[in-house]
Amino acid sequence: MNRLEKALEEAQANLVLEVERLLPESQTPEGRVVAAMRYATLNGGKRLRPFLVLTTAALFNVARQSAARVAAAIEFVHCYSLVHDDLPAMDNDDLRRGIPTCHKAFDEATAILAGDALLTKAFEVLGGASTHPDPQVRIDLVVALAEAAGHQGMVGGQMMDMQASKHPMDIPAITRLQRMKTGRLIAFSCVAGPILGKAHPNQRQALEAYAHDLGLVFQITDDLLDVEASTEEMGKKTGKDADQGKATFVSLLGVERAKSQAQALGEQAVRHLESFGDSEPANLLRDTVQYVLNRRN
């Protein structure tokens, strides 16, 4: 097991413990929605965003418990988005992470409520005094995540994505779409550390630039996997973009050019980390670029 695999495994274990603490099982009448929330957050996934929170926080010697709470918050938002994306009114998917989607395991109404509750829970966690003793830091975290998740971020990107099959899109348009839909939550995950650590603005800017390039690498790789990987590898249906006639990085650039572009962006992402030297967290962030480039699900 290499250092990144070990760090990812440790981050996943820490996240599960924090989610279990924040979302304990409930036998109350509303317990069904809690069960759906736990189903959506505790059944696997790469947990890349929580890992980025924990690793960037480690750059600034942030208390582990503070970082763990923010890591759980970003996972709540990410999982809420997946629950809603999978609904019949959106992508209408039956599988997620190799198991039935939330609305298949429960029902559509419960899945909607579970997504709503996960989004709300994220801001409850960020605003809690246990996340950071400085109220301004908590406010900064809340505002940053709200901007990343809302109409100028993930939700806006999803709206653009839903219209993509009806309107021709070029590379700049797709880049903007993916920066909003996927990149903004990755960016939040990378700036959470400097926010928690009250870092110098230049350090936050370097991590924002890293996150921008990493987010595009992630999406190009995702587009490649939608073409090259199997449903079994991905744990969800593949080939959907082509079936729906959506323009993607791969459909516009071709497979080989898309791979070359992802590699170039990955190299650029690594260069943004030069100011952090050879520290363990910085090296883990460098390793993460290769992990995203080489992933198979």
C-alpha atoms as a PDB file:
ATOM      1  CA  MET A   1       0.000   0.000   0.000  1.00  0.00           C
ATOM      2  CA  ASN A   2       1.521   3.336  -1.066  1.00  0.00           C
ATOM      3  CA  ARG A   3       1.282   6.540   0.977  1.00  0.00           C
ATOM      4  CA  LEU A   4      -1.738   7.880  -0.899  1.00  0.00           C
ATOM      5  CA  GLU A   5      -3.677   4.628  -0.565  1.00  0.00           C
ATOM      6  CA  LYS A   6      -2.903   4.613   3.150  1.00  0.00           C
ATOM      7  CA  ALA A   7      -3.949   8.261   3.526  1.00  0.00           C
ATOM      8  CA  LEU A   8      -7.168   7.716   1.566  1.00  0.00           C
ATOM      9  CA  GLU A   9      -8.040   4.686   3.670  1.00  0.00           C
ATOM     10  CA  GLU A  10      -7.393   6.634   6.885  1.00  0.00           C
ATOM     11  CA  ALA A  11      -9.457   9.584   5.633  1.00  0.00           C
ATOM     12  CA  GLN A  12     -12.350   7.298   4.705  1.00  0.00           C
ATOM     13  CA  ALA A  13     -12.278   5.662   8.138  1.00  0.00           C
ATOM     14  CA  ASN A  14     -12.253   9.054   9.854  1.00  0.00           C
ATOM     15  CA  LEU A  15     -15.122  10.249   7.680  1.00  0.00           C
ATOM     16  CA  VAL A  16     -17.263   7.209   8.480  1.00  0.00           C
ATOM     17  CA  LEU A  17     -16.699   7.754  12.203  1.00  0.00           C
ATOM     18  CA  GLU A  18     -17.681  11.420  11.907  1.00  0.00           C
ATOM     19  CA  VAL A  19     -20.782  10.679   9.831  1.00  0.00           C
ATOM     20  CA  GLU A  20     -21.820   8.008  12.318  1.00  0.00           C
ATOM     21  CA  ARG A  21     -21.398  10.541  15.122  1.00  0.00           C
ATOM     22  CA  LEU A  22     -23.326  13.284  13.310  1.00  0.00           C
ATOM     23  CA  LEU A  23     -26.025  10.986  11.891  1.00  0.00           C
ATOM     24  CA  PRO A  24     -26.743   8.240  14.447  1.00  0.00           C
ATOM     25  CA  GLU A  25     -29.475   5.712  13.737  1.00  0.00           C
ATOM     26  CA  SER A  26     -32.904   6.828  14.872  1.00  0.00           C
ATOM     27  CA  GLN A  27     -35.964   4.864  15.991  1.00  0.00           C
ATOM     28  CA  THR A  28     -38.168   7.956  16.019  1.00  0.00           C
ATOM     29  CA  PRO A  29     -40.993   8.502  13.493  1.00  0.00           C
ATOM     30  CA  GLU A  30     -38.614  10.493  11.273  1.00  0.00           C
ATOM     31  CA  GLY A  31     -36.075   7.692  11.431  1.00  0.00           C
ATOM     32  CA  ARG A  32     -36.813   6.602   7.861  1.00  0.00           C
ATOM     33  CA  VAL A  33     -35.317   9.779   6.424  1.00  0.00           C
ATOM     34  CA  VAL A  34     -32.291   9.377   8.712  1.00  0.00           C
ATOM     35  CA  ALA A  35     -31.882   5.841   7.372  1.00  0.00           C
ATOM     36  CA  ALA A  36     -31.975   7.190   3.810  1.00  0.00           C
ATOM     37  CA  MET A  37     -29.397   9.871   4.693  1.00  0.00           C
ATOM     38  CA  ARG A  38     -27.107   7.220   6.149  1.00  0.00           C
ATOM     39  CA  TYR A  39     -27.671   4.968   3.128  1.00  0.00           C
ATOM     40  CA  ALA A  40     -26.581   7.788   0.814  1.00  0.00           C
ATOM     41  CA  THR A  41     -23.451   8.705   2.777  1.00  0.00           C
ATOM     42  CA  LEU A  42     -22.131   5.460   4.256  1.00  0.00           C
ATOM     43  CA  ASN A  43     -22.224   3.110   1.255  1.00  0.00           C
ATOM     44  CA  GLY A  44     -18.860   3.656  -0.364  1.00  0.00           C
ATOM     45  CA  GLY A  45     -17.641   6.249  -2.822  1.00  0.00           C
ATOM     46  CA  LYS A  46     -14.165   7.663  -3.410  1.00  0.00           C
ATOM     47  CA  ARG A  47     -14.594  10.319  -0.692  1.00  0.00           C
ATOM     48  CA  LEU A  48     -12.116  12.481  -2.594  1.00  0.00           C
ATOM     49  CA  ARG A  49     -13.617  15.762  -1.377  1.00  0.00           C
ATOM     50  CA  PRO A  50     -13.358  14.899   2.336  1.00  0.00           C
ATOM     51  CA  PHE A  51      -9.806  13.699   1.734  1.00  0.00           C
ATOM     52  CA  LEU A  52      -8.918  17.055   0.154  1.00  0.00           C
ATOM     53  CA  VAL A  53     -10.391  18.884   3.158  1.00  0.00           C
ATOM     54  CA  LEU A  54      -8.357  16.805   5.602  1.00  0.00           C
ATOM     55  CA  THR A  55      -5.163  17.100   3.566  1.00  0.00           C
ATOM     56  CA  THR A  56      -5.308  20.849   2.930  1.00  0.00           C
ATOM     57  CA  ALA A  57      -6.184  21.369   6.605  1.00  0.00           C
ATOM     58  CA  ALA A  58      -3.067  19.396   7.544  1.00  0.00           C
ATOM     59  CA  LEU A  59      -0.970  21.897   5.551  1.00  0.00           C
ATOM     60  CA  PHE A  60      -1.913  24.496   8.159  1.00  0.00           C
ATOM     61  CA  ASN A  61      -1.892  22.278  11.272  1.00  0.00           C
ATOM     62  CA  VAL A  62      -5.660  22.540  11.733  1.00  0.00           C
ATOM     63  CA  ALA A  63      -7.146  20.514  14.585  1.00  0.00           C
ATOM     64  CA  ARG A  64      -8.214  17.112  13.270  1.00  0.00           C
ATOM     65  CA  GLN A  65     -11.728  17.358  14.726  1.00  0.00           C
ATOM     66  CA  SER A  66     -12.367  20.688  13.010  1.00  0.00           C
ATOM     67  CA  ALA A  67     -11.215  19.290   9.684  1.00  0.00           C
ATOM     68  CA  ALA A  68     -13.272  16.109  10.163  1.00  0.00           C
ATOM     69  CA  ARG A  69     -16.464  18.110  10.659  1.00  0.00           C
ATOM     70  CA  VAL A  70     -15.870  20.104   7.473  1.00  0.00           C
ATOM     71  CA  ALA A  71     -15.007  16.881   5.628  1.00  0.00           C
ATOM     72  CA  ALA A  72     -18.352  15.421   6.716  1.00  0.00           C
ATOM     73  CA  ALA A  73     -20.161  18.605   5.628  1.00  0.00           C
ATOM     74  CA  ILE A  74     -18.788  18.484   2.085  1.00  0.00           C
ATOM     75  CA  GLU A  75     -19.640  14.783   1.846  1.00  0.00           C
ATOM     76  CA  PHE A  76     -23.207  15.549   2.928  1.00  0.00           C
ATOM     77  CA  VAL A  77     -23.522  18.110   0.126  1.00  0.00           C
ATOM     78  CA  HIS A  78     -21.925  15.824  -2.450  1.00  0.00           C
ATOM     79  CA  CYS A  79     -24.180  12.901  -1.494  1.00  0.00           C
ATOM     80  CA  TYR A  80     -27.290  15.078  -1.498  1.00  0.00           C
ATOM     81  CA  SER A  81     -26.437  16.073  -5.074  1.00  0.00           C
ATOM     82  CA  LEU A  82     -26.079  12.417  -6.097  1.00  0.00           C
ATOM     83  CA  VAL A  83     -29.397  11.446  -4.500  1.00  0.00           C
ATOM     84  CA  HIS A  84     -31.198  14.202  -6.391  1.00  0.00           C
ATOM     85  CA  ASP A  85     -29.271  13.622  -9.649  1.00  0.00           C
ATOM     86  CA  ASP A  86     -30.363   9.979  -9.653  1.00  0.00           C
ATOM     87  CA  LEU A  87     -34.091  10.784  -9.390  1.00  0.00           C
ATOM     88  CA  PRO A  88     -36.404  10.037 -12.344  1.00  0.00           C
ATOM     89  CA  ALA A  89     -36.880  13.779 -12.946  1.00  0.00           C
ATOM     90  CA  MET A  90     -33.107  14.177 -13.404  1.00  0.00           C
ATOM     91  CA  ASP A  91     -30.823  11.350 -14.602  1.00  0.00           C
ATOM     92  CA  ASN A  92     -33.213   8.494 -13.722  1.00  0.00           C
ATOM     93  CA  ASP A  93     -30.496   6.095 -12.561  1.00  0.00           C
ATOM     94  CA  ASP A  94     -31.053   2.761 -10.834  1.00  0.00           C
ATOM     95  CA  LEU A  95     -27.482   2.167  -9.665  1.00  0.00           C
ATOM     96  CA  ARG A  96     -25.024   4.240  -7.671  1.00  0.00           C
ATOM     97  CA  ARG A  97     -21.767   2.823  -6.292  1.00  0.00           C
ATOM     98  CA  GLY A  98     -22.893  -0.608  -7.400  1.00  0.00           C
ATOM     99  CA  ILE A  99     -26.056  -0.656  -5.276  1.00  0.00           C
ATOM    100  CA  PRO A 100     -29.622   0.611  -5.831  1.00  0.00           C
ATOM    101  CA  THR A 101     -29.943   4.385  -5.824  1.00  0.00           C
ATOM    102  CA  CYS A 102     -31.595   6.016  -2.833  1.00  0.00           C
ATOM    103  CA  HIS A 103     -35.004   6.386  -4.465  1.00  0.00           C
ATOM    104  CA  LYS A 104     -34.902   2.709  -5.476  1.00  0.00           C
ATOM    105  CA  ALA A 105     -33.879   1.533  -2.015  1.00  0.00           C
ATOM    106  CA  PHE A 106     -36.506   3.722  -0.319  1.00  0.00           C
ATOM    107  CA  ASP A 107     -38.884   5.754  -2.517  1.00  0.00           C
ATOM    108  CA  GLU A 108     -38.801   9.029  -4.443  1.00  0.00           C
ATOM    109  CA  ALA A 109     -40.335  11.192  -1.732  1.00  0.00           C
ATOM    110  CA  THR A 110     -37.968   9.847   0.923  1.00  0.00           C
ATOM    111  CA  ALA A 111     -34.982  10.364  -1.384  1.00  0.00           C
ATOM    112  CA  ILE A 112     -35.966  13.996  -1.977  1.00  0.00           C
ATOM    113  CA  LEU A 113     -36.312  14.587   1.755  1.00  0.00           C
ATOM    114  CA  ALA A 114     -33.011  12.811   2.451  1.00  0.00           C
ATOM    115  CA  GLY A 115     -31.233  15.060  -0.040  1.00  0.00           C
ATOM    116  CA  ASP A 116     -32.834  18.152   1.459  1.00  0.00           C
ATOM    117  CA  ALA A 117     -31.839  17.063   4.950  1.00  0.00           C
ATOM    118  CA  LEU A 118     -28.231  16.283   3.951  1.00  0.00           C
ATOM    119  CA  LEU A 119     -27.818  19.745   2.436  1.00  0.00           C
ATOM    120  CA  THR A 120     -29.265  21.362   5.545  1.00  0.00           C
ATOM    121  CA  LYS A 121     -27.148  19.195   7.843  1.00  0.00           C
ATOM    122  CA  ALA A 122     -23.970  20.381   6.124  1.00  0.00           C
ATOM    123  CA  PHE A 123     -24.625  23.992   7.112  1.00  0.00           C
ATOM    124  CA  GLU A 124     -25.662  22.977  10.616  1.00  0.00           C
ATOM    125  CA  VAL A 125     -22.266  21.302  10.984  1.00  0.00           C
ATOM    126  CA  LEU A 126     -20.269  24.213   9.532  1.00  0.00           C
ATOM    127  CA  GLY A 127     -22.075  26.712  11.734  1.00  0.00           C
ATOM    128  CA  GLY A 128     -21.561  24.720  14.922  1.00  0.00           C
ATOM    129  CA  ALA A 129     -19.103  26.012  17.503  1.00  0.00           C
ATOM    130  CA  SER A 130     -17.283  22.657  17.472  1.00  0.00           C
ATOM    131  CA  THR A 131     -16.115  23.295  13.908  1.00  0.00           C
ATOM    132  CA  HIS A 132     -13.958  26.300  14.857  1.00  0.00           C
ATOM    133  CA  PRO A 133     -13.790  28.639  17.858  1.00  0.00           C
ATOM    134  CA  ASP A 134     -13.697  31.739  15.637  1.00  0.00           C
ATOM    135  CA  PRO A 135     -17.208  32.686  14.412  1.00  0.00           C
ATOM    136  CA  GLN A 136     -15.751  34.494  11.394  1.00  0.00           C
ATOM    137  CA  VAL A 137     -14.088  31.290  10.215  1.00  0.00           C
ATOM    138  CA  ARG A 138     -17.412  29.466  10.501  1.00  0.00           C
ATOM    139  CA  ILE A 139     -19.134  32.235   8.539  1.00  0.00           C
ATOM    140  CA  ASP A 140     -16.448  32.077   5.836  1.00  0.00           C
ATOM    141  CA  LEU A 141     -16.929  28.317   5.533  1.00  0.00           C
ATOM    142  CA  VAL A 142     -20.720  28.654   5.270  1.00  0.00           C
ATOM    143  CA  VAL A 143     -20.499  31.358   2.603  1.00  0.00           C
ATOM    144  CA  ALA A 144     -17.855  29.482   0.596  1.00  0.00           C
ATOM    145  CA  LEU A 145     -19.871  26.259   0.562  1.00  0.00           C
ATOM    146  CA  ALA A 146     -23.129  28.067  -0.235  1.00  0.00           C
ATOM    147  CA  GLU A 147     -21.481  29.753  -3.228  1.00  0.00           C
ATOM    148  CA  ALA A 148     -19.965  26.463  -4.394  1.00  0.00           C
ATOM    149  CA  ALA A 149     -23.207  24.500  -4.089  1.00  0.00           C
ATOM    150  CA  GLY A 150     -25.785  27.010  -5.318  1.00  0.00           C
ATOM    151  CA  HIS A 151     -26.939  28.540  -8.588  1.00  0.00           C
ATOM    152  CA  GLN A 152     -23.491  29.937  -9.356  1.00  0.00           C
ATOM    153  CA  GLY A 153     -21.893  26.596  -8.630  1.00  0.00           C
ATOM    154  CA  MET A 154     -23.026  22.975  -8.599  1.00  0.00           C
ATOM    155  CA  VAL A 155     -26.758  23.574  -9.046  1.00  0.00           C
ATOM    156  CA  GLY A 156     -26.184  26.021 -11.883  1.00  0.00           C
ATOM    157  CA  GLY A 157     -23.828  23.559 -13.540  1.00  0.00           C
ATOM    158  CA  GLN A 158     -26.429  20.816 -13.259  1.00  0.00           C
ATOM    159  CA  MET A 159     -28.982  23.095 -14.915  1.00  0.00           C
ATOM    160  CA  MET A 160     -26.560  23.678 -17.787  1.00  0.00           C
ATOM    161  CA  ASP A 161     -25.896  19.948 -18.010  1.00  0.00           C
ATOM    162  CA  MET A 162     -29.608  19.190 -18.310  1.00  0.00           C
ATOM    163  CA  GLN A 163     -29.782  21.556 -21.286  1.00  0.00           C
ATOM    164  CA  ALA A 164     -26.581  20.285 -22.898  1.00  0.00           C
ATOM    165  CA  SER A 165     -28.290  17.786 -25.193  1.00  0.00           C
ATOM    166  CA  LYS A 166     -30.526  20.535 -26.618  1.00  0.00           C
ATOM    167  CA  HIS A 167     -27.940  23.267 -27.172  1.00  0.00           C
ATOM    168  CA  PRO A 168     -24.599  22.949 -29.006  1.00  0.00           C
ATOM    169  CA  MET A 169     -21.645  23.447 -26.653  1.00  0.00           C
ATOM    170  CA  ASP A 170     -17.997  24.169 -27.409  1.00  0.00           C
ATOM    171  CA  ILE A 171     -14.957  23.583 -25.199  1.00  0.00           C
ATOM    172  CA  PRO A 172     -15.233  26.918 -23.302  1.00  0.00           C
ATOM    173  CA  ALA A 173     -18.907  26.240 -22.563  1.00  0.00           C
ATOM    174  CA  ILE A 174     -18.220  22.697 -21.352  1.00  0.00           C
ATOM    175  CA  THR A 175     -15.302  23.934 -19.269  1.00  0.00           C
ATOM    176  CA  ARG A 176     -17.567  26.486 -17.571  1.00  0.00           C
ATOM    177  CA  LEU A 177     -20.296  23.878 -17.043  1.00  0.00           C
ATOM    178  CA  GLN A 178     -17.924  21.395 -15.431  1.00  0.00           C
ATOM    179  CA  ARG A 179     -16.164  24.047 -13.381  1.00  0.00           C
ATOM    180  CA  MET A 180     -19.548  24.851 -11.852  1.00  0.00           C
ATOM    181  CA  LYS A 181     -21.032  21.361 -11.626  1.00  0.00           C
ATOM    182  CA  THR A 182     -17.967  19.453 -10.422  1.00  0.00           C
ATOM    183  CA  GLY A 183     -15.140  21.895  -9.885  1.00  0.00           C
ATOM    184  CA  ARG A 184     -16.709  24.241  -7.363  1.00  0.00           C
ATOM    185  CA  LEU A 185     -17.160  21.563  -4.689  1.00  0.00           C
ATOM    186  CA  ILE A 186     -13.620  20.341  -5.298  1.00  0.00           C
ATOM    187  CA  ALA A 187     -12.449  23.945  -4.979  1.00  0.00           C
ATOM    188  CA  PHE A 188     -14.276  24.342  -1.669  1.00  0.00           C
ATOM    189  CA  SER A 189     -12.637  21.146  -0.434  1.00  0.00           C
ATOM    190  CA  CYS A 190      -9.212  22.624  -1.184  1.00  0.00           C
ATOM    191  CA  VAL A 191      -9.835  26.073   0.318  1.00  0.00           C
ATOM    192  CA  ALA A 192     -11.454  24.727   3.481  1.00  0.00           C
ATOM    193  CA  GLY A 193      -7.970  24.055   4.852  1.00  0.00           C
ATOM    194  CA  PRO A 194      -6.663  27.610   4.441  1.00  0.00           C
ATOM    195  CA  ILE A 195      -9.960  29.022   5.743  1.00  0.00           C
ATOM    196  CA  LEU A 196      -9.721  26.859   8.875  1.00  0.00           C
ATOM    197  CA  GLY A 197      -6.026  27.678   9.249  1.00  0.00           C
ATOM    198  CA  LYS A 198      -6.438  31.425   8.611  1.00  0.00           C
ATOM    199  CA  ALA A 199      -3.776  31.132   5.941  1.00  0.00           C
ATOM    200  CA  HIS A 200      -2.239  33.926   3.881  1.00  0.00           C
ATOM    201  CA  PRO A 201      -4.386  34.831   0.824  1.00  0.00           C
ATOM    202  CA  ASN A 202      -1.568  33.747  -1.506  1.00  0.00           C
ATOM    203  CA  GLN A 203      -1.712  30.238  -0.066  1.00  0.00           C
ATOM    204  CA  ARG A 204      -5.461  30.078  -0.556  1.00  0.00           C
ATOM    205  CA  GLN A 205      -5.076  31.310  -4.143  1.00  0.00           C
ATOM    206  CA  ALA A 206      -2.490  28.611  -4.878  1.00  0.00           C
ATOM    207  CA  LEU A 207      -4.860  25.916  -3.636  1.00  0.00           C
ATOM    208  CA  GLU A 208      -7.760  27.419  -5.588  1.00  0.00           C
ATOM    209  CA  ALA A 209      -5.646  27.218  -8.755  1.00  0.00           C
ATOM    210  CA  TYR A 210      -4.680  23.618  -7.928  1.00  0.00           C
ATOM    211  CA  ALA A 211      -8.345  22.759  -7.385  1.00  0.00           C
ATOM    212  CA  HIS A 212      -9.411  24.372 -10.654  1.00  0.00           C
ATOM    213  CA  ASP A 213      -7.039  22.185 -12.657  1.00  0.00           C
ATOM    214  CA  LEU A 214      -7.734  19.079 -10.574  1.00  0.00           C
ATOM    215  CA  GLY A 215     -11.470  19.531 -11.111  1.00  0.00           C
ATOM    216  CA  LEU A 216     -11.025  19.620 -14.883  1.00  0.00           C
ATOM    217  CA  VAL A 217      -8.767  16.555 -14.745  1.00  0.00           C
ATOM    218  CA  PHE A 218     -11.475  14.785 -12.750  1.00  0.00           C
ATOM    219  CA  GLN A 219     -14.167  15.651 -15.284  1.00  0.00           C
ATOM    220  CA  ILE A 220     -12.128  14.764 -18.371  1.00  0.00           C
ATOM    221  CA  THR A 221     -11.298  11.435 -16.755  1.00  0.00           C
ATOM    222  CA  ASP A 222     -14.985  10.967 -15.967  1.00  0.00           C
ATOM    223  CA  ASP A 223     -15.851  11.605 -19.614  1.00  0.00           C
ATOM    224  CA  LEU A 224     -13.213   9.090 -20.686  1.00  0.00           C
ATOM    225  CA  LEU A 225     -14.551   6.479 -18.277  1.00  0.00           C
ATOM    226  CA  ASP A 226     -18.078   6.999 -19.598  1.00  0.00           C
ATOM    227  CA  VAL A 227     -16.692   5.876 -22.977  1.00  0.00           C
ATOM    228  CA  GLU A 228     -14.077   3.300 -21.973  1.00  0.00           C
ATOM    229  CA  ALA A 229     -15.192   1.754 -18.647  1.00  0.00           C
ATOM    230  CA  SER A 230     -17.881  -0.841 -18.005  1.00  0.00           C
ATOM    231  CA  THR A 231     -20.952  -0.499 -15.818  1.00  0.00           C
ATOM    232  CA  GLU A 232     -19.384  -3.055 -13.455  1.00  0.00           C
ATOM    233  CA  GLU A 233     -16.208  -0.963 -13.074  1.00  0.00           C
ATOM    234  CA  MET A 234     -18.098   2.287 -12.552  1.00  0.00           C
ATOM    235  CA  GLY A 235     -20.897   0.951 -10.363  1.00  0.00           C
ATOM    236  CA  LYS A 236     -23.371   2.921 -12.486  1.00  0.00           C
ATOM    237  CA  LYS A 237     -24.567   2.967 -16.086  1.00  0.00           C
ATOM    238  CA  THR A 238     -21.987   4.158 -18.629  1.00  0.00           C
ATOM    239  CA  GLY A 239     -22.378   5.594 -22.121  1.00  0.00           C
ATOM    240  CA  LYS A 240     -25.175   7.927 -21.037  1.00  0.00           C
ATOM    241  CA  ASP A 241     -23.654  11.092 -22.507  1.00  0.00           C
ATOM    242  CA  ALA A 242     -23.423   9.602 -25.984  1.00  0.00           C
ATOM    243  CA  ASP A 243     -26.941   8.152 -25.707  1.00  0.00           C
ATOM    244  CA  GLN A 244     -28.296  11.608 -24.823  1.00  0.00           C
ATOM    245  CA  GLY A 245     -26.277  13.391 -27.494  1.00  0.00           C
ATOM    246  CA  LYS A 246     -24.378  15.529 -24.970  1.00  0.00           C
ATOM    247  CA  ALA A 247     -21.164  17.246 -25.963  1.00  0.00           C
ATOM    248  CA  THR A 248     -18.262  16.282 -23.677  1.00  0.00           C
ATOM    249  CA  PHE A 249     -14.516  16.828 -23.623  1.00  0.00           C
ATOM    250  CA  VAL A 250     -14.139  13.415 -25.265  1.00  0.00           C
ATOM    251  CA  SER A 251     -16.771  13.934 -27.965  1.00  0.00           C
ATOM    252  CA  LEU A 252     -15.202  17.265 -28.968  1.00  0.00           C
ATOM    253  CA  LEU A 253     -11.512  16.472 -28.524  1.00  0.00           C
ATOM    254  CA  GLY A 254     -11.423  12.724 -29.155  1.00  0.00           C
ATOM    255  CA  VAL A 255     -10.026  10.172 -26.713  1.00  0.00           C
ATOM    256  CA  GLU A 256      -6.313  10.789 -27.279  1.00  0.00           C
ATOM    257  CA  ARG A 257      -6.495  14.593 -27.203  1.00  0.00           C
ATOM    258  CA  ALA A 258      -8.672  14.427 -24.102  1.00  0.00           C
ATOM    259  CA  LYS A 259      -6.073  12.246 -22.377  1.00  0.00           C
ATOM    260  CA  SER A 260      -3.297  14.651 -23.389  1.00  0.00           C
ATOM    261  CA  GLN A 261      -5.286  17.612 -22.080  1.00  0.00           C
ATOM    262  CA  ALA A 262      -5.923  15.869 -18.766  1.00  0.00           C
ATOM    263  CA  GLN A 263      -2.207  15.107 -18.432  1.00  0.00           C
ATOM    264  CA  ALA A 264      -1.246  18.730 -19.154  1.00  0.00           C
ATOM    265  CA  LEU A 265      -3.763  20.029 -16.623  1.00  0.00           C
ATOM    266  CA  GLY A 266      -2.468  17.547 -14.061  1.00  0.00           C
ATOM    267  CA  GLU A 267       1.093  18.790 -14.509  1.00  0.00           C
ATOM    268  CA  GLN A 268      -0.133  22.360 -14.153  1.00  0.00           C
ATOM    269  CA  ALA A 269      -2.025  21.479 -10.960  1.00  0.00           C
ATOM    270  CA  VAL A 270       1.157  20.092  -9.426  1.00  0.00           C
ATOM    271  CA  ARG A 271       3.073  23.288 -10.228  1.00  0.00           C
ATOM    272  CA  HIS A 272       0.606  25.307  -8.160  1.00  0.00           C
ATOM    273  CA  LEU A 273       1.845  23.431  -5.073  1.00  0.00           C
ATOM    274  CA  GLU A 274       5.483  24.528  -5.332  1.00  0.00           C
ATOM    275  CA  SER A 275       5.165  27.081  -2.511  1.00  0.00           C
ATOM    276  CA  PHE A 276       4.195  24.311  -0.071  1.00  0.00           C
ATOM    277  CA  GLY A 277       7.528  22.560  -0.454  1.00  0.00           C
ATOM    278  CA  ASP A 278       8.055  18.878   0.258  1.00  0.00           C
ATOM    279  CA  SER A 279       5.689  18.491   3.195  1.00  0.00           C
ATOM    280  CA  GLU A 280       3.683  15.291   3.551  1.00  0.00           C
ATOM    281  CA  PRO A 281       0.303  16.958   2.871  1.00  0.00           C
ATOM    282  CA  ALA A 282       1.679  18.700  -0.229  1.00  0.00           C
ATOM    283  CA  ASN A 283       3.064  15.429  -1.543  1.00  0.00           C
ATOM    284  CA  LEU A 284      -0.299  13.751  -0.956  1.00  0.00           C
ATOM    285  CA  LEU A 285      -1.960  16.488  -3.013  1.00  0.00           C
ATOM    286  CA  ARG A 286       0.573  15.841  -5.791  1.00  0.00           C
ATOM    287  CA  ASP A 287      -0.139  12.110  -5.611  1.00  0.00           C
ATOM    288  CA  THR A 288      -3.859  12.862  -5.823  1.00  0.00           C
ATOM    289  CA  VAL A 289      -3.418  14.250  -9.331  1.00  0.00           C
ATOM    290  CA  GLN A 290      -2.032  10.942 -10.550  1.00  0.00           C
ATOM    291  CA  TYR A 291      -4.735   9.065  -8.670  1.00  0.00           C
ATOM    292  CA  VAL A 292      -7.433  11.044 -10.500  1.00  0.00           C
ATOM    293  CA  LEU A 293      -5.685  10.627 -13.854  1.00  0.00           C
ATOM    294  CA  ASN A 294      -5.412   6.853 -13.414  1.00  0.00           C
ATOM    295  CA  ARG A 295      -8.733   6.054 -11.711  1.00  0.00           C
ATOM    296  CA  ARG A 296     -11.034   3.378 -13.145  1.00  0.00           C
ATOM    297  CA  ASN A 297     -14.259   4.324 -11.376  1.00  0.00           C
END
